[in-house]
Amino acid sequence: MPMKAGTLQEKKPPIFVNSALDEAGLDVYEFRLLGHIARRGECFAALTTTAKICQMSVRKAQSTLKSLENRGLIQKKQRKGSTDVYKLAPDIWDKLQTMRQEQEVDVDDSRNTSNE
């Protein structure tokens, strides 16, 4: 079906995912939440709202945010009496590149082990 002039698809560029992000070894939940935070710059919605938008349980969103924080990919700012604010860590691309390199080493190690 031909697209009409001025439609959304005509105006928007295709989606691009940097190879460091794609190959960093994130699970689908980490990848989804990271994309959600990155698109907004800061994420301060209630956990239930974030979970619903990202199509996961509240418990899964909570544990995944903690995982991303522990891995140094996001920063959390606690606000007393309000929701927490999440944003990308300033050095996220360095961390993702390191994670990507570690994934390459793990793959190489598993290949060497299986050949023995």
N, C-alpha and C. Protein backbone atom coordinates (compact mmCIF):
# COMPACT_ATOMS: atom_id res chain seq x y z
N MET A 1 0.85 -1.16 0.00
CA MET A 1 0.00 0.00 0.00
C MET A 1 0.91 1.24 0.00
N PRO A 2 0.74 2.15 -0.97
CA PRO A 2 1.58 3.35 -1.03
C PRO A 2 1.29 4.29 0.14
N MET A 3 2.34 5.00 0.55
CA MET A 3 2.20 5.93 1.67
C MET A 3 1.77 7.29 1.15
N LYS A 4 0.95 7.97 1.91
CA LYS A 4 0.52 9.32 1.56
C LYS A 4 1.64 10.29 1.93
N ALA A 5 1.76 11.34 1.15
CA ALA A 5 2.76 12.37 1.45
C ALA A 5 2.48 12.98 2.81
N GLY A 6 3.53 13.20 3.58
CA GLY A 6 3.39 13.84 4.89
C GLY A 6 3.09 12.88 6.02
N THR A 7 3.14 11.57 5.78
CA THR A 7 2.88 10.63 6.87
C THR A 7 4.09 10.55 7.79
N LEU A 8 3.88 10.01 8.96
CA LEU A 8 4.93 9.90 9.97
C LEU A 8 6.15 9.16 9.44
N GLN A 9 5.94 8.04 8.77
CA GLN A 9 7.07 7.24 8.29
C GLN A 9 7.91 8.00 7.27
N GLU A 10 7.30 8.86 6.50
CA GLU A 10 8.04 9.61 5.50
C GLU A 10 8.95 10.64 6.15
N LYS A 11 8.54 11.21 7.26
CA LYS A 11 9.28 12.29 7.91
C LYS A 11 10.34 11.81 8.88
N LYS A 12 10.19 10.63 9.44
CA LYS A 12 11.11 10.13 10.45
C LYS A 12 12.20 9.27 9.82
N PRO A 13 13.44 9.43 10.29
CA PRO A 13 14.51 8.55 9.79
C PRO A 13 14.33 7.15 10.37
N PRO A 14 14.97 6.16 9.77
CA PRO A 14 14.88 4.80 10.33
C PRO A 14 15.54 4.74 11.71
N ILE A 15 15.16 3.78 12.47
CA ILE A 15 15.74 3.60 13.81
C ILE A 15 17.19 3.14 13.66
N PHE A 16 18.06 3.72 14.48
CA PHE A 16 19.47 3.33 14.48
C PHE A 16 19.84 2.93 15.90
N VAL A 17 20.47 1.78 16.05
CA VAL A 17 20.96 1.31 17.34
C VAL A 17 22.47 1.13 17.22
N ASN A 18 23.21 1.86 18.02
CA ASN A 18 24.67 1.78 18.02
C ASN A 18 25.11 0.36 18.35
N SER A 19 26.17 -0.11 17.70
CA SER A 19 26.64 -1.49 17.91
C SER A 19 27.09 -1.74 19.35
N ALA A 20 27.63 -0.72 20.02
CA ALA A 20 28.04 -0.90 21.42
C ALA A 20 26.83 -1.24 22.29
N LEU A 21 25.70 -0.62 22.00
CA LEU A 21 24.48 -0.91 22.75
C LEU A 21 23.92 -2.27 22.35
N ASP A 22 23.88 -2.53 21.07
CA ASP A 22 23.30 -3.78 20.56
C ASP A 22 24.07 -5.01 21.01
N GLU A 23 25.38 -4.88 21.17
CA GLU A 23 26.22 -6.04 21.48
C GLU A 23 26.77 -6.03 22.90
N ALA A 24 26.16 -5.26 23.79
CA ALA A 24 26.66 -5.13 25.16
C ALA A 24 26.21 -6.28 26.07
N GLY A 25 25.33 -7.13 25.57
CA GLY A 25 24.88 -8.25 26.38
C GLY A 25 23.74 -7.92 27.32
N LEU A 26 23.02 -6.84 27.04
CA LEU A 26 21.86 -6.50 27.86
C LEU A 26 20.74 -7.49 27.59
N ASP A 27 19.96 -7.78 28.63
CA ASP A 27 18.78 -8.61 28.37
C ASP A 27 17.68 -7.72 27.80
N VAL A 28 16.58 -8.31 27.36
CA VAL A 28 15.53 -7.55 26.69
C VAL A 28 14.92 -6.49 27.60
N TYR A 29 14.84 -6.77 28.88
CA TYR A 29 14.27 -5.81 29.82
C TYR A 29 15.21 -4.62 30.04
N GLU A 30 16.50 -4.90 30.18
CA GLU A 30 17.48 -3.82 30.32
C GLU A 30 17.50 -2.94 29.07
N PHE A 31 17.49 -3.59 27.92
CA PHE A 31 17.50 -2.87 26.65
C PHE A 31 16.27 -1.97 26.54
N ARG A 32 15.11 -2.50 26.90
CA ARG A 32 13.86 -1.75 26.79
C ARG A 32 13.83 -0.55 27.74
N LEU A 33 14.19 -0.77 28.99
CA LEU A 33 14.18 0.33 29.95
C LEU A 33 15.24 1.38 29.63
N LEU A 34 16.38 0.95 29.17
CA LEU A 34 17.43 1.89 28.79
C LEU A 34 16.94 2.78 27.64
N GLY A 35 16.29 2.17 26.67
CA GLY A 35 15.72 2.94 25.56
C GLY A 35 14.65 3.91 26.03
N HIS A 36 13.85 3.48 26.97
CA HIS A 36 12.79 4.32 27.52
C HIS A 36 13.38 5.56 28.21
N ILE A 37 14.40 5.35 29.01
CA ILE A 37 15.05 6.46 29.71
C ILE A 37 15.77 7.37 28.72
N ALA A 38 16.48 6.78 27.77
CA ALA A 38 17.24 7.56 26.79
C ALA A 38 16.33 8.45 25.96
N ARG A 39 15.19 7.94 25.58
CA ARG A 39 14.28 8.72 24.74
C ARG A 39 13.77 9.96 25.47
N ARG A 40 13.63 9.85 26.78
CA ARG A 40 13.08 10.95 27.57
C ARG A 40 14.14 11.89 28.15
N GLY A 41 15.37 11.43 28.22
CA GLY A 41 16.41 12.23 28.86
C GLY A 41 16.43 12.00 30.36
N GLU A 42 15.29 12.14 30.98
CA GLU A 42 15.09 11.81 32.39
C GLU A 42 13.77 11.08 32.50
N CYS A 43 13.73 10.12 33.37
CA CYS A 43 12.50 9.37 33.60
C CYS A 43 12.11 9.54 35.06
N PHE A 44 10.96 10.14 35.30
CA PHE A 44 10.52 10.36 36.67
C PHE A 44 9.09 9.89 36.89
N ALA A 45 8.57 9.12 35.94
CA ALA A 45 7.21 8.59 36.09
C ALA A 45 7.17 7.58 37.23
N ALA A 46 5.99 7.36 37.74
CA ALA A 46 5.80 6.33 38.76
C ALA A 46 6.23 4.98 38.19
N LEU A 47 6.73 4.13 39.03
CA LEU A 47 7.20 2.82 38.61
C LEU A 47 6.11 2.04 37.88
N THR A 48 4.88 2.14 38.35
CA THR A 48 3.77 1.44 37.68
C THR A 48 3.57 1.96 36.26
N THR A 49 3.71 3.24 36.06
CA THR A 49 3.57 3.83 34.72
C THR A 49 4.70 3.37 33.81
N THR A 50 5.93 3.43 34.32
CA THR A 50 7.09 2.99 33.54
C THR A 50 6.94 1.52 33.15
N ALA A 51 6.54 0.68 34.10
CA ALA A 51 6.37 -0.74 33.83
C ALA A 51 5.31 -0.96 32.76
N LYS A 52 4.22 -0.25 32.85
CA LYS A 52 3.14 -0.41 31.87
C LYS A 52 3.60 0.01 30.48
N ILE A 53 4.27 1.16 30.38
CA ILE A 53 4.77 1.64 29.08
C ILE A 53 5.75 0.63 28.47
N CYS A 54 6.61 0.06 29.32
CA CYS A 54 7.64 -0.87 28.85
C CYS A 54 7.14 -2.32 28.78
N GLN A 55 5.88 -2.53 29.11
CA GLN A 55 5.23 -3.84 29.01
C GLN A 55 5.94 -4.92 29.83
N MET A 56 6.10 -4.61 31.11
CA MET A 56 6.68 -5.57 32.04
C MET A 56 6.03 -5.36 33.40
N SER A 57 6.21 -6.31 34.28
CA SER A 57 5.65 -6.18 35.62
C SER A 57 6.40 -5.10 36.40
N VAL A 58 5.75 -4.60 37.42
CA VAL A 58 6.40 -3.59 38.28
C VAL A 58 7.64 -4.19 38.93
N ARG A 59 7.54 -5.41 39.40
CA ARG A 59 8.68 -6.08 40.03
C ARG A 59 9.85 -6.20 39.05
N LYS A 60 9.55 -6.56 37.79
CA LYS A 60 10.61 -6.69 36.78
C LYS A 60 11.23 -5.34 36.47
N ALA A 61 10.41 -4.30 36.36
CA ALA A 61 10.93 -2.95 36.11
C ALA A 61 11.83 -2.52 37.25
N GLN A 62 11.41 -2.80 38.47
CA GLN A 62 12.18 -2.42 39.66
C GLN A 62 13.55 -3.13 39.67
N SER A 63 13.55 -4.42 39.43
CA SER A 63 14.82 -5.16 39.47
C SER A 63 15.72 -4.79 38.29
N THR A 64 15.11 -4.48 37.15
CA THR A 64 15.89 -4.10 35.98
C THR A 64 16.52 -2.73 36.15
N LEU A 65 15.78 -1.79 36.70
CA LEU A 65 16.35 -0.47 36.99
C LEU A 65 17.53 -0.60 37.95
N LYS A 66 17.38 -1.46 38.95
CA LYS A 66 18.48 -1.69 39.91
C LYS A 66 19.70 -2.29 39.20
N SER A 67 19.44 -3.22 38.29
CA SER A 67 20.53 -3.84 37.53
C SER A 67 21.26 -2.80 36.67
N LEU A 68 20.50 -1.96 35.98
CA LEU A 68 21.11 -0.91 35.15
C LEU A 68 21.91 0.07 36.00
N GLU A 69 21.39 0.37 37.17
CA GLU A 69 22.11 1.27 38.08
C GLU A 69 23.39 0.60 38.59
N ASN A 70 23.31 -0.66 38.97
CA ASN A 70 24.49 -1.38 39.46
C ASN A 70 25.56 -1.52 38.39
N ARG A 71 25.15 -1.61 37.14
CA ARG A 71 26.09 -1.73 36.03
C ARG A 71 26.65 -0.37 35.62
N GLY A 72 26.17 0.70 36.23
CA GLY A 72 26.67 2.04 35.97
C GLY A 72 26.13 2.66 34.69
N LEU A 73 25.03 2.12 34.15
CA LEU A 73 24.48 2.64 32.91
C LEU A 73 23.49 3.77 33.13
N ILE A 74 22.86 3.78 34.29
CA ILE A 74 21.94 4.86 34.64
C ILE A 74 22.27 5.38 36.02
N GLN A 75 21.79 6.58 36.28
CA GLN A 75 21.92 7.17 37.61
C GLN A 75 20.53 7.40 38.17
N LYS A 76 20.42 7.20 39.46
CA LYS A 76 19.14 7.37 40.15
C LYS A 76 19.26 8.52 41.14
N LYS A 77 18.31 9.42 41.08
CA LYS A 77 18.25 10.51 42.04
C LYS A 77 16.97 10.32 42.85
N GLN A 78 17.13 10.10 44.14
CA GLN A 78 15.96 9.91 45.00
C GLN A 78 15.41 11.28 45.40
N ARG A 79 14.09 11.37 45.33
CA ARG A 79 13.42 12.60 45.73
C ARG A 79 12.47 12.27 46.87
N LYS A 80 12.66 12.92 47.97
CA LYS A 80 11.84 12.66 49.15
C LYS A 80 10.39 13.05 48.86
N GLY A 81 9.50 12.11 49.10
CA GLY A 81 8.08 12.36 48.91
C GLY A 81 7.64 12.37 47.46
N SER A 82 8.48 11.92 46.55
CA SER A 82 8.15 11.92 45.14
C SER A 82 8.80 10.71 44.47
N THR A 83 8.59 10.60 43.18
CA THR A 83 9.20 9.49 42.46
C THR A 83 10.70 9.73 42.27
N ASP A 84 11.44 8.65 42.07
CA ASP A 84 12.86 8.75 41.77
C ASP A 84 13.02 9.23 40.32
N VAL A 85 14.17 9.83 40.04
CA VAL A 85 14.49 10.28 38.69
C VAL A 85 15.64 9.43 38.17
N TYR A 86 15.47 8.87 36.98
CA TYR A 86 16.51 8.07 36.34
C TYR A 86 16.98 8.79 35.09
N LYS A 87 18.30 8.77 34.88
CA LYS A 87 18.86 9.32 33.64
C LYS A 87 20.09 8.50 33.27
N LEU A 88 20.50 8.62 32.02
CA LEU A 88 21.67 7.89 31.56
C LEU A 88 22.91 8.39 32.27
N ALA A 89 23.81 7.48 32.57
CA ALA A 89 25.09 7.86 33.17
C ALA A 89 25.90 8.65 32.14
N PRO A 90 26.65 9.65 32.59
CA PRO A 90 27.43 10.47 31.65
C PRO A 90 28.42 9.67 30.81
N ASP A 91 28.95 8.60 31.36
CA ASP A 91 29.95 7.78 30.65
C ASP A 91 29.35 6.48 30.11
N ILE A 92 28.07 6.50 29.78
CA ILE A 92 27.38 5.28 29.36
C ILE A 92 28.03 4.63 28.15
N TRP A 93 28.49 5.43 27.18
CA TRP A 93 29.06 4.83 25.97
C TRP A 93 30.38 4.12 26.26
N ASP A 94 31.16 4.64 27.19
CA ASP A 94 32.39 3.94 27.59
C ASP A 94 32.05 2.61 28.26
N LYS A 95 31.06 2.63 29.13
CA LYS A 95 30.65 1.41 29.82
C LYS A 95 30.08 0.38 28.84
N LEU A 96 29.26 0.82 27.91
CA LEU A 96 28.70 -0.09 26.91
C LEU A 96 29.79 -0.70 26.04
N GLN A 97 30.77 0.12 25.67
CA GLN A 97 31.88 -0.40 24.86
C GLN A 97 32.66 -1.46 25.63
N THR A 98 32.91 -1.22 26.91
CA THR A 98 33.60 -2.21 27.75
C THR A 98 32.78 -3.49 27.85
N MET A 99 31.47 -3.34 28.06
CA MET A 99 30.59 -4.51 28.14
C MET A 99 30.60 -5.28 26.82
N ARG A 100 30.63 -4.56 25.73
CA ARG A 100 30.67 -5.20 24.40
C ARG A 100 31.96 -6.00 24.25
N GLN A 101 33.08 -5.42 24.65
CA GLN A 101 34.37 -6.11 24.56
C GLN A 101 34.38 -7.35 25.45
N GLU A 102 33.78 -7.25 26.63
CA GLU A 102 33.69 -8.41 27.53
C GLU A 102 32.85 -9.51 26.90
N GLN A 103 31.80 -9.14 26.19
CA GLN A 103 30.97 -10.14 25.49
C GLN A 103 31.78 -10.85 24.43
N GLU A 104 32.62 -10.11 23.70
CA GLU A 104 33.46 -10.71 22.67
C GLU A 104 34.44 -11.70 23.29
N VAL A 105 35.02 -11.36 24.44
CA VAL A 105 35.95 -12.25 25.13
C VAL A 105 35.22 -13.50 25.58
N ASP A 106 34.02 -13.34 26.13
CA ASP A 106 33.24 -14.50 26.58
C ASP A 106 32.94 -15.44 25.43
N VAL A 107 32.60 -14.90 24.27
CA VAL A 107 32.31 -15.73 23.10
C VAL A 107 33.56 -16.46 22.66
N ASP A 108 34.69 -15.75 22.62
CA ASP A 108 35.96 -16.38 22.25
C ASP A 108 36.33 -17.49 23.23
N ASP A 109 36.16 -17.25 24.52
CA ASP A 109 36.47 -18.25 25.54
C ASP A 109 35.60 -19.49 25.38
N SER A 110 34.32 -19.31 25.09
CA SER A 110 33.43 -20.46 24.95
C SER A 110 33.77 -21.25 23.71
N ARG A 111 34.23 -20.58 22.66
CA ARG A 111 34.66 -21.29 21.45
C ARG A 111 35.90 -22.12 21.73
N ASN A 112 36.85 -21.55 22.47
CA ASN A 112 38.08 -22.27 22.80
C ASN A 112 37.79 -23.47 23.68
N THR A 113 36.88 -23.33 24.62
CA THR A 113 36.54 -24.43 25.52
C THR A 113 35.86 -25.56 24.76
N SER A 114 35.00 -25.23 23.82
CA SER A 114 34.27 -26.27 23.08
C SER A 114 35.18 -27.00 22.09
N ASN A 115 36.31 -26.41 21.72
CA ASN A 115 37.24 -27.04 20.78
C ASN A 115 38.25 -27.95 21.47
N GLU A 116 38.26 -27.94 22.79
CA GLU A 116 39.26 -28.73 23.52
C GLU A 116 38.86 -30.17 23.62
